[in-house]
Amino acid sequence: MKLILAPDKFKGSLTGLQFCAAVEEGVKSIMPATEFTTLPLADGGDGTIEILEYHLNGTRVSVKVNDPLFRQIEASYLYMETIQTAFIEMAEASGMYLLKKEERNCFNTTTLGTGELILDAINKGAKTIILGIGGSATNDCGMGMATALGYKFEDDQGKELEPIGKNLSKIRVINSSYVHDALKSIEFKVACDVTNPLYGDNGAAYVYGPQKGASEAEIEALDSGLKNIAAVFKKQFNSDVQNIQGAGAAGGMGAGTSVFLNAELKSGIDLVKELVGFDAKIEGADFIITGEGQLDSQTLSGKTINGVITSAKKQNISAVAFCGSVSLSEVEANNFGISYTDAVINKAKNLEDAMQNSYAYLVDMAAKFAQSIKK
């Protein structure tokens, strides 16, 4: 019997590798001869660096960069020298978690530090750069990132603007005379799992601005600013970013990376699977066991489990999901392509017990599953 273990983390409770260890322990207690392949995954958001580090033996590179409020901090990215590829998490330099609650306001924040990480990776010799754009504290449409790479944003007097959301509406010209020479020769891929347009009711400012600390008046101004930069993109670069799915991701970083980096926006889990050679490694398996904190209708669009199921279906491998909680019915799970589900919360006394003792509950769940398939 060959089992693939391909979970995401249980946020705040278990890492992907701990999940794999618990399931292996439970299954082996019933079926000791089972063969396991451990392939923990992530969907491009927080924790992806750790997963790629595990699979690809990359090196963590630390760099002094600007945080969202232009303060010097140390941030890191992962560099895989053998394949000249860097994986950069935007949140490392431009993330919400870097700011105190009272400091959060995407009207005044910048993605400059993310650009400085990209610049360092270029100087290290990266030929491919993968950028995860979740968890940002910004709404500058990548203006800060582009500034670090040599772009200059000028107002109607030709004066260079500070790269923050507040100044989006003042941009008249984007000067690309000083852009880093290597930019054109690098392949950029962006892990992006939201589909919001750049501006409008469903755009970056109105949907994400409130949680990033902007007031109603500031959100309105940010939305106008995003419309303005979109018009400049169209005029100067002949790029209609409003029609790009995911342009509004990370405060317009989706649009910014498309224009400034000529990046391709892709599903985060698809990018991770591609990097670790997932589809080739699962060939010939009897079951894939996956999992994450919560299995619900959101899981069906772009999350790790969705990516695992897609690969399992292609190879006719039965998929099993062990999660913290499951809000899908058995019929919904089966329709989605999951043949067996179980949840920690069904075993635990309460949420605190579930979070603290999820490893032990997962061992029991895996043993129960093994009992059900034992021949």
Protein backbone atom coordinates (compact mmCIF):
# COMPACT_ATOMS: atom_id res chain seq x y z
CA MET A 1 0.00 0.00 0.00
CA LYS A 2 1.43 3.36 -1.05
CA LEU A 3 0.17 6.52 0.67
CA ILE A 4 1.00 10.12 -0.19
CA LEU A 5 0.82 12.63 2.66
CA ALA A 6 0.20 16.10 1.18
CA PRO A 7 -1.31 18.48 3.76
CA ASP A 8 -1.17 22.20 4.35
CA LYS A 9 -0.56 23.35 7.93
CA PHE A 10 -3.27 23.53 10.62
CA LYS A 11 -2.70 27.21 11.38
CA GLY A 12 -1.73 27.76 15.02
CA SER A 13 -1.82 24.04 15.73
CA LEU A 14 0.26 21.76 13.47
CA THR A 15 2.84 22.22 10.75
CA GLY A 16 2.52 20.18 7.57
CA LEU A 17 5.39 17.93 8.68
CA GLN A 18 3.80 17.32 12.08
CA PHE A 19 0.57 16.35 10.28
CA CYS A 20 2.56 13.83 8.20
CA ALA A 21 4.24 12.35 11.29
CA ALA A 22 0.89 11.93 13.10
CA VAL A 23 -0.82 10.25 10.13
CA GLU A 24 2.12 7.94 9.54
CA GLU A 25 2.11 6.94 13.22
CA GLY A 26 -1.63 6.20 13.16
CA VAL A 27 -1.63 4.23 9.91
CA LYS A 28 1.46 2.19 10.86
CA SER A 29 -0.19 1.12 14.13
CA ILE A 30 -2.70 -0.81 11.96
CA MET A 31 -0.75 -1.40 8.72
CA PRO A 32 2.99 -1.44 9.58
CA ALA A 33 4.15 -2.28 6.03
CA THR A 34 2.62 0.83 4.43
CA GLU A 35 4.92 2.87 2.18
CA PHE A 36 4.74 6.65 2.70
CA THR A 37 5.79 9.65 0.60
CA THR A 38 5.81 12.89 2.59
CA LEU A 39 4.92 15.92 0.47
CA PRO A 40 3.68 18.79 2.67
CA LEU A 41 2.37 21.73 0.62
CA ALA A 42 1.40 25.39 0.85
CA ASP A 43 -0.58 27.69 -1.41
CA GLY A 44 1.85 30.59 -1.81
CA GLY A 45 0.81 32.36 1.41
CA ASP A 46 2.58 32.40 4.77
CA GLY A 47 4.51 29.22 5.44
CA THR A 48 5.39 28.61 1.78
CA ILE A 49 9.07 29.45 2.37
CA GLU A 50 9.33 26.65 4.96
CA ILE A 51 7.71 24.15 2.59
CA LEU A 52 10.01 25.03 -0.32
CA GLU A 53 13.00 24.98 2.01
CA TYR A 54 12.06 21.41 3.00
CA HIS A 55 11.62 20.19 -0.59
CA LEU A 56 14.30 22.12 -2.46
CA ASN A 57 17.14 22.69 0.03
CA GLY A 58 17.17 26.41 -0.63
CA THR A 59 19.18 28.93 1.35
CA ARG A 60 17.60 31.67 3.44
CA VAL A 61 19.00 35.04 2.45
CA SER A 62 18.62 37.92 4.92
CA VAL A 63 18.49 41.51 3.68
CA LYS A 64 18.07 44.92 5.32
CA VAL A 65 15.00 46.49 3.72
CA ASN A 66 12.32 49.11 4.36
CA ASP A 67 9.20 47.98 6.19
CA PRO A 68 5.77 49.36 5.11
CA LEU A 69 6.52 52.61 6.98
CA PHE A 70 10.08 53.06 5.61
CA ARG A 71 11.83 51.74 8.73
CA GLN A 72 14.87 49.49 8.38
CA ILE A 73 14.19 45.84 9.18
CA GLU A 74 15.76 42.51 8.32
CA ALA A 75 13.69 40.32 5.99
CA SER A 76 14.53 37.06 4.25
CA TYR A 77 13.73 35.11 1.11
CA LEU A 78 14.59 31.64 -0.15
CA TYR A 79 17.16 31.16 -2.90
CA MET A 80 17.56 27.84 -4.73
CA GLU A 81 20.95 28.19 -6.41
CA THR A 82 20.76 24.93 -8.36
CA ILE A 83 17.74 26.21 -10.30
CA GLN A 84 18.60 29.95 -10.01
CA THR A 85 15.17 30.56 -8.49
CA ALA A 86 14.12 32.82 -5.62
CA PHE A 87 10.90 32.57 -3.65
CA ILE A 88 9.89 35.85 -2.02
CA GLU A 89 6.99 36.34 0.37
CA MET A 90 5.75 39.91 0.08
CA ALA A 91 4.61 39.82 3.72
CA GLU A 92 8.24 39.44 4.87
CA ALA A 93 8.95 43.07 3.95
CA SER A 94 5.52 44.63 3.37
CA GLY A 95 3.27 42.58 5.62
CA MET A 96 0.51 43.59 7.98
CA TYR A 97 2.15 41.60 10.80
CA LEU A 98 5.10 44.04 10.79
CA LEU A 99 2.91 46.89 12.03
CA LYS A 100 1.23 47.57 15.35
CA LYS A 101 -2.53 47.88 15.15
CA GLU A 102 -2.44 51.68 15.47
CA GLU A 103 0.19 51.94 12.68
CA ARG A 104 -1.90 50.14 10.06
CA ASN A 105 -3.16 52.39 7.28
CA CYS A 106 -2.64 51.46 3.64
CA PHE A 107 -3.02 55.13 2.68
CA ASN A 108 0.53 55.66 3.99
CA THR A 109 2.31 52.32 3.43
CA THR A 110 4.72 51.14 0.76
CA THR A 111 5.88 47.96 -0.99
CA LEU A 112 9.43 49.36 -1.29
CA GLY A 113 10.88 46.56 0.88
CA THR A 114 9.43 43.87 -1.40
CA GLY A 115 11.21 45.54 -4.32
CA GLU A 116 14.46 45.56 -2.33
CA LEU A 117 14.14 41.79 -1.77
CA ILE A 118 13.58 41.31 -5.52
CA LEU A 119 16.63 43.48 -6.28
CA ASP A 120 18.80 41.40 -3.96
CA ALA A 121 17.62 38.17 -5.62
CA ILE A 122 18.43 39.62 -9.05
CA ASN A 123 21.93 40.52 -7.83
CA LYS A 124 22.32 36.95 -6.46
CA GLY A 125 21.78 35.64 -9.99
CA ALA A 126 18.11 34.59 -9.92
CA LYS A 127 16.67 33.87 -13.36
CA THR A 128 13.20 33.00 -12.01
CA ILE A 129 11.53 34.85 -9.17
CA ILE A 130 8.33 33.60 -7.59
CA LEU A 131 6.47 36.16 -5.51
CA GLY A 132 3.81 35.26 -2.95
CA ILE A 133 1.60 38.30 -2.43
CA GLY A 134 -0.59 37.46 0.58
CA GLY A 135 -0.78 39.33 3.90
CA SER A 136 0.22 42.79 2.70
CA ALA A 137 -0.26 46.05 4.61
CA THR A 138 -0.27 48.08 1.40
CA ASN A 139 -2.40 49.59 -1.34
CA ASP A 140 0.23 51.24 -3.57
CA CYS A 141 -0.28 49.11 -6.72
CA GLY A 142 3.36 48.00 -6.49
CA MET A 143 4.60 51.59 -6.71
CA GLY A 144 7.13 51.03 -3.89
CA MET A 145 8.35 47.74 -5.34
CA ALA A 146 8.84 49.41 -8.74
CA THR A 147 10.72 52.34 -7.16
CA ALA A 148 13.30 49.91 -5.71
CA LEU A 149 13.83 48.55 -9.24
CA GLY A 150 14.43 51.96 -10.83
CA TYR A 151 10.99 53.19 -11.87
CA LYS A 152 10.20 56.81 -10.99
CA PHE A 153 6.69 58.17 -10.44
CA GLU A 154 6.29 61.82 -11.35
CA ASP A 155 3.53 64.36 -10.77
CA ASP A 156 2.37 67.05 -13.22
CA GLN A 157 5.41 69.18 -12.28
CA GLY A 158 7.83 66.32 -13.01
CA LYS A 159 8.55 65.92 -9.29
CA GLU A 160 9.21 62.39 -7.99
CA LEU A 161 6.49 61.09 -5.66
CA GLU A 162 6.94 59.10 -2.47
CA PRO A 163 5.73 55.54 -3.29
CA ILE A 164 2.66 55.26 -1.03
CA GLY A 165 -1.04 54.70 -1.70
CA LYS A 166 -1.86 58.32 -0.93
CA ASN A 167 0.13 59.45 -4.01
CA LEU A 168 -1.45 57.14 -6.61
CA SER A 169 -3.83 59.88 -7.73
CA LYS A 170 -0.93 62.33 -8.33
CA ILE A 171 0.95 60.14 -10.83
CA ARG A 172 1.09 61.63 -14.32
CA VAL A 173 4.18 59.92 -15.74
CA ILE A 174 5.98 56.66 -14.92
CA ASN A 175 9.62 57.16 -15.88
CA SER A 176 11.27 53.85 -16.79
CA SER A 177 14.62 55.28 -18.00
CA TYR A 178 16.48 54.02 -14.92
CA VAL A 179 14.97 50.54 -14.59
CA HIS A 180 17.36 47.71 -13.66
CA ASP A 181 18.83 46.20 -16.86
CA ALA A 182 18.31 42.58 -15.78
CA LEU A 183 14.54 42.97 -15.28
CA LYS A 184 13.65 42.01 -18.87
CA SER A 185 15.61 38.75 -18.74
CA ILE A 186 13.99 37.39 -15.56
CA GLU A 187 10.85 35.27 -15.45
CA PHE A 188 8.47 36.43 -12.73
CA LYS A 189 5.61 34.29 -11.44
CA VAL A 190 3.15 35.62 -8.90
CA ALA A 191 1.22 33.36 -6.54
CA CYS A 192 -2.21 34.97 -6.53
CA ASP A 193 -5.42 33.31 -5.39
CA VAL A 194 -7.87 36.20 -5.42
CA THR A 195 -9.74 37.43 -8.47
CA ASN A 196 -10.56 41.04 -7.50
CA PRO A 197 -10.22 43.72 -10.16
CA LEU A 198 -7.96 46.70 -9.45
CA TYR A 199 -10.63 49.30 -8.66
CA GLY A 200 -14.38 49.62 -8.15
CA ASP A 201 -16.75 48.14 -5.56
CA ASN A 202 -14.98 44.78 -5.69
CA GLY A 203 -11.50 46.26 -6.09
CA ALA A 204 -8.43 46.48 -3.87
CA ALA A 205 -9.37 49.62 -1.90
CA TYR A 206 -13.03 48.93 -1.15
CA VAL A 207 -12.63 45.22 -0.34
CA TYR A 208 -9.32 45.21 1.56
CA GLY A 209 -8.81 48.86 2.57
CA PRO A 210 -10.97 48.68 5.72
CA GLN A 211 -8.98 45.76 7.20
CA LYS A 212 -5.74 47.61 6.35
CA GLY A 213 -6.74 50.61 8.45
CA ALA A 214 -7.97 53.12 5.86
CA SER A 215 -10.92 55.43 6.63
CA GLU A 216 -13.93 55.76 4.32
CA ALA A 217 -12.56 58.97 2.81
CA GLU A 218 -9.11 57.38 2.36
CA ILE A 219 -10.63 54.30 0.70
CA GLU A 220 -12.44 56.55 -1.77
CA ALA A 221 -9.18 58.41 -2.48
CA LEU A 222 -7.27 55.12 -2.89
CA ASP A 223 -9.87 53.82 -5.35
CA SER A 224 -9.53 57.05 -7.38
CA GLY A 225 -5.75 56.64 -7.24
CA LEU A 226 -5.97 53.08 -8.55
CA LYS A 227 -8.17 54.31 -11.44
CA ASN A 228 -5.57 56.99 -12.15
CA ILE A 229 -2.59 54.62 -12.26
CA ALA A 230 -4.64 52.21 -14.41
CA ALA A 231 -5.13 55.07 -16.93
CA VAL A 232 -1.37 55.78 -16.88
CA PHE A 233 -0.65 52.06 -17.43
CA LYS A 234 -2.96 52.07 -20.44
CA LYS A 235 -1.47 55.22 -21.91
CA GLN A 236 2.21 54.40 -21.34
CA PHE A 237 2.36 50.60 -21.40
CA ASN A 238 -0.75 49.78 -23.43
CA SER A 239 -1.88 47.52 -20.57
CA ASP A 240 -5.54 47.35 -19.55
CA VAL A 241 -4.99 46.07 -16.01
CA GLN A 242 -8.64 46.30 -14.95
CA ASN A 243 -9.27 43.25 -17.13
CA ILE A 244 -6.58 41.15 -15.42
CA GLN A 245 -8.07 38.64 -13.00
CA GLY A 246 -6.45 39.28 -9.62
CA ALA A 247 -5.19 42.79 -10.50
CA GLY A 248 -6.52 44.00 -7.14
CA ALA A 249 -4.66 41.39 -5.10
CA ALA A 250 -2.43 42.77 -2.30
CA GLY A 251 -3.48 46.39 -2.77
CA GLY A 252 -3.05 46.32 -6.53
CA MET A 253 0.20 44.33 -6.47
CA GLY A 254 -1.38 41.95 -8.98
CA ALA A 255 -1.64 44.79 -11.51
CA GLY A 256 1.74 46.25 -10.54
CA THR A 257 3.65 43.00 -11.03
CA SER A 258 1.94 42.45 -14.38
CA VAL A 259 3.07 45.84 -15.69
CA PHE A 260 6.41 46.44 -13.94
CA LEU A 261 7.70 42.85 -13.98
CA ASN A 262 5.75 41.38 -16.91
CA ALA A 263 4.74 38.73 -14.37
CA GLU A 264 2.34 35.87 -14.85
CA LEU A 265 -0.34 35.59 -12.13
CA LYS A 266 -0.89 31.95 -11.20
CA SER A 267 -2.60 29.88 -8.53
CA GLY A 268 -0.26 29.61 -5.54
CA ILE A 269 -0.80 25.89 -5.03
CA ASP A 270 -0.17 25.22 -8.74
CA LEU A 271 3.14 27.08 -8.53
CA VAL A 272 4.22 25.14 -5.43
CA LYS A 273 3.21 21.79 -6.98
CA GLU A 274 5.17 22.65 -10.10
CA LEU A 275 8.29 23.59 -8.12
CA VAL A 276 8.33 20.40 -6.03
CA GLY A 277 7.46 18.07 -8.94
CA PHE A 278 4.30 16.95 -7.15
CA ASP A 279 2.48 15.19 -10.01
CA ALA A 280 5.45 12.94 -10.82
CA LYS A 281 5.97 12.02 -7.15
CA ILE A 282 2.41 10.79 -6.58
CA GLU A 283 2.36 8.32 -9.48
CA GLY A 284 1.21 4.83 -8.53
CA ALA A 285 -0.18 5.80 -5.12
CA ASP A 286 -3.25 4.09 -3.63
CA PHE A 287 -4.37 7.11 -1.55
CA ILE A 288 -3.45 10.75 -1.08
CA ILE A 289 -4.11 12.06 2.42
CA THR A 290 -4.39 15.82 2.57
CA GLY A 291 -5.70 18.31 5.10
CA GLU A 292 -5.80 21.84 6.46
CA GLY A 293 -7.45 23.69 9.33
CA GLN A 294 -10.86 23.94 7.73
CA LEU A 295 -12.58 22.14 4.87
CA ASP A 296 -15.40 24.34 3.59
CA SER A 297 -16.72 25.83 0.35
CA GLN A 298 -13.73 28.24 0.23
CA THR A 299 -11.41 25.26 0.05
CA LEU A 300 -12.89 24.48 -3.34
CA SER A 301 -11.36 27.59 -4.90
CA GLY A 302 -7.60 27.73 -5.03
CA LYS A 303 -6.59 26.35 -1.64
CA THR A 304 -4.07 23.56 -1.07
CA ILE A 305 -6.65 20.77 -0.81
CA ASN A 306 -8.16 21.83 -4.13
CA GLY A 307 -4.75 21.55 -5.79
CA VAL A 308 -4.18 18.10 -4.30
CA ILE A 309 -7.61 16.86 -5.47
CA THR A 310 -6.97 18.15 -8.99
CA SER A 311 -3.75 16.11 -9.19
CA ALA A 312 -5.35 13.05 -7.57
CA LYS A 313 -8.24 13.04 -10.07
CA LYS A 314 -5.86 13.15 -13.05
CA GLN A 315 -4.21 9.95 -11.83
CA ASN A 316 -7.35 8.25 -10.44
CA ILE A 317 -5.95 8.24 -6.89
CA SER A 318 -8.44 8.22 -4.00
CA ALA A 319 -8.23 11.39 -1.91
CA VAL A 320 -8.72 11.54 1.87
CA ALA A 321 -9.00 14.74 3.93
CA PHE A 322 -8.23 15.05 7.65
CA CYS A 323 -9.00 18.59 8.82
CA GLY A 324 -9.47 20.63 11.95
CA SER A 325 -13.13 21.02 11.05
CA VAL A 326 -15.29 20.03 8.07
CA SER A 327 -18.39 21.99 7.12
CA LEU A 328 -19.04 20.16 3.83
CA SER A 329 -21.57 17.33 3.80
CA GLU A 330 -20.41 13.85 2.79
CA VAL A 331 -22.17 14.31 -0.57
CA GLU A 332 -20.47 17.69 -1.17
CA ALA A 333 -17.07 16.21 -0.27
CA ASN A 334 -17.63 13.24 -2.60
CA ASN A 335 -18.72 15.54 -5.42
CA PHE A 336 -15.55 17.53 -4.87
CA GLY A 337 -13.49 14.34 -5.18
CA ILE A 338 -12.82 13.38 -1.55
CA SER A 339 -13.67 9.78 -0.72
CA TYR A 340 -13.18 9.99 3.07
CA THR A 341 -13.17 12.88 5.57
CA ASP A 342 -12.63 13.23 9.30
CA ALA A 343 -12.24 16.22 11.62
CA VAL A 344 -10.33 16.86 14.84
CA ILE A 345 -13.19 18.94 16.24
CA ASN A 346 -15.45 15.85 16.16
CA LYS A 347 -13.13 14.13 18.65
CA ALA A 348 -12.17 17.09 20.86
CA LYS A 349 -14.03 18.44 23.90
CA ASN A 350 -13.81 22.01 22.62
CA LEU A 351 -11.77 24.27 20.33
CA GLU A 352 -8.96 24.74 22.86
CA ASP A 353 -8.63 20.96 23.27
CA ALA A 354 -8.68 20.56 19.47
CA MET A 355 -5.87 23.11 19.01
CA GLN A 356 -3.70 21.76 21.83
CA ASN A 357 -4.12 18.05 21.14
CA SER A 358 -4.58 17.90 17.38
CA TYR A 359 -1.53 15.63 16.93
CA ALA A 360 -2.98 12.90 19.17
CA TYR A 361 -6.44 13.19 17.59
CA LEU A 362 -4.88 12.96 14.13
CA VAL A 363 -3.05 9.76 15.10
CA ASP A 364 -6.42 8.27 16.14
CA MET A 365 -8.13 9.48 12.94
CA ALA A 366 -5.39 7.91 10.80
CA ALA A 367 -5.64 4.60 12.66
CA LYS A 368 -9.42 4.57 12.16
CA PHE A 369 -8.95 5.22 8.44
CA ALA A 370 -6.33 2.45 8.16
CA GLN A 371 -8.76 0.06 9.86
CA SER A 372 -11.40 0.93 7.23
CA ILE A 373 -9.11 0.11 4.26
CA LYS A 374 -7.18 -2.82 5.76
CA LYS A 375 -7.46 -5.85 3.56
